[in-house]
């Protein structure tokens, strides 16, 4: 039988642990202690899955309660009094008592119908809670930490004067001054400085912290469960395009791609992604200028892996909800990656910003429910042609049987982590734009190279596919550094979709190469991306006999010794005349990689690979 064990220090003196109720607990017997969410408890004994203790503010109430209902916090106890939390800033610890004291006053203001004071104090408390959370993140530079602490102290002083409470004297580190260590002269100077602060600052309405960040915005997108009505393996790709047009021209900046490769997870789970680093200044300019337009296009498209063409046996029975069990066609290739459906959702950020600016602070995280539907991807469509078609047409009627939730948040990647932890719980992925953010923080370290393959030109029509892989100076593939988007593991290679019946395939696919910081430019001098082009066939036997017929490569270090710069490049495509294997290809590293002048005809240059 289990026994109760008391908490003791190194000298075997009884001590208590400090706990906070993370869930309400209702006592079912006289021996148990009821807890409300947020209650502070002093835990003195433990036994199996139970604690015994008392309420911190009502020591006369004691009892047992489950361990998993309470979170224990390490503390420093002096003369049976809590003096500090060992893992917290002292200012953060002080705020706990301050907020509890203010809560009693705001309750009395409410009973006395003093609405002005209720609004002011509640706003001050909300700001203090937000700033305390930021203080607890331990992710600030020294200058930012000092500025944040000063902001908190100013808010506390304003609230203290408004509530007519005793002013708190602090030292130069903004901690509560210890009278035994502080001279009378210093105490008098600190008190005089605090009293000179004007009460007028309290009565002025303080803008919500969200709207003080005038540089970047973020958009939280939650996709509902999506059931794709085909039996093929499917994956969903989601990208946000930042479109802006003014007198100087048109600019289109994509984000990283959010990828869901698990068809079953797509059908049974919701998925949330945060698109960050959206330019707020462009949205503001669109609101004030008639010649400027700032629109975001949320693009979703479904890619299936299966036969070349959709047959009746690939489609689910919509009435029964089950998949047809007809056997596939004999000798049919079953690993062709083909686009299946797409959706373009227009999001006018300037309108949303104007809407949010009229909302109260508590409404800044309001969800917008957006219905949407998918278009079927035509064999002749490319991502570029679809984009042009959808941006010019506003009268496309679709069966909108899916919904997504949008939340426009102010701030970038760093603010999302510090100010909105309740929204970024669970498996929330973050997609950043493929450009420099408006504000680059000191800890914003990225060492990525993004490669977009627009298309190619061949001498005859066919069903074209390319594979891309990162290779070293010995032309051997490097694993673990290449991936096509967020929420998917790094791959050895990227295999494109198949563009069918064309001599000018347009892929418009982007993949990322994550270069470790430990690799120097000298070490990666011969690193390059190798592209192999291959014809695909619907007949499985013929498809397996097909080998790569052409090769191109892109060095990551330029001749000057610098990492490859942003820009467009026309690669030299070499014809492979000896096609024995898909992987055993070597001897090309010293060839010309990038075209200097006009595009080179594929049929005029060849490369003997084995």
Foldseek 3Di string as FASTA:
>chain_A
DWDKDFDADPVRHFAWWKKFFCDWDDDPDQQAATDHHGWIWTWTIDTDQKTWTATPVCRVGIHIDGPVRIDTFAFDADPRHTDGGPLADLVLVVVVVLLVVVVVVLVVCVVVVVVLLNVLSVVLSVVLVLLSLLRSVPPDDPVVNQVSLVVNLLSSLLNCVVSVHDRFFADPSSHGDDVVVDDPVSSVVRVVVSVPDDNVVSSDDDDQPQVVQQFKKKKKKKWAQDQDFFPFQKKKKKKKWKWKQAPVGIDIWIWFIDMDRHNVCSRPHMAMEMEFLHGNVLLVVVLVDVRMAIKMKIKMWMKGFFFPDDDPQGGHDPVVRGGRPDDDDPQFDTGAIATFKMWIDIDRVSVVVVVLVPDDSVCQFPKDKAFTDIDTDDLPDAPVNVVVVVVVDDPDDDDRPTIMIMHMTGDGPVCCVRRPVVVVPDPYHYIYIPDDHRDDDPPNDADKDKDWDFKDAAPAFAWKKKKKFKAALQRHGDWFFKDQGPPDGTGRIDIFHIRGGDRIDTGRGMMMGGDDPVADLVRRQLIKMKMFMWGADRRNVVRVVTETFKIAMGRQADPVSHGDDDDDFDFQIATAPDGDDRRQWDDCSPPGHTDDDDHDHHVVHHDHTD
